[in-house]
């Protein structure tokens, strides 16, 4: 009789919808990366922010846009590694990070370039020729991984908290390269009041999926619920509609 009760209990649990499980309250973090996430007055906006807000709703979370925090990348990345129930987006999914976190995505694919001032007239045909230059990076950002793969040692890095600091240094001639996607670079240059025509792509550093990273102890059912939400957003055409909202930020004019 006891075995029958246990068996029936197992069957009941197995047939219980995943949505019946209550999501924890997450610490949800992002960084400043226009057009994917940025501060617009008192509100966070951007392609990835809007996607996250919709995913939270579809996943059954009570958390909303105002629960998302914008933090310096290094601080948010440290939180993600150390504290359970943490989420960080948009995070480049690299082989080096694969087992450090759980992943939902991709949100988009990002090609990262080495960008220099045109007046420097830098010509590069192989990674070996990059060794004599200085590079603006963000602390603990994937850009440092990309440069390391190219054989560039950390003593060639000028490490900052955000891309715009690197952009100002590049414009002032204090570094030779900034490591960035072109669309994000154009947006940052516009915000800084700089003419993008003063700069050029010199070398392709990497092309990777950008996703949402969860703390590595996050349960499978949570990852599955958020992934299903994202897949449904794409299938229903909402993803394309969200991207369209921010065309003005992405346009290379």
Foldseek 3Di string as FASTA:
>chain_A
DVVVVVVVVVVVVVPDDLLVDDDDDAQEEEEDFPQAWHDDPPFIDHLVLVLVQQLCVQLPHPDHRVSYYYDQPVVLVVCQQPDARYKYPFAFDDPVCPLQFDWADQLDKFWKFWKAFVVVVDADDALVVCQVFAEEDEPPHCLVVLNVVSVHDPVSYDYDRDQLVRVVCRVVVVGGTYIGGPLRVQLSCVVVVHDCVRMDTHGTRDMTGTTMTHGNPDDPSSSVSSNVSSVVCVVVPVSVVSVVVRVVSRDDD
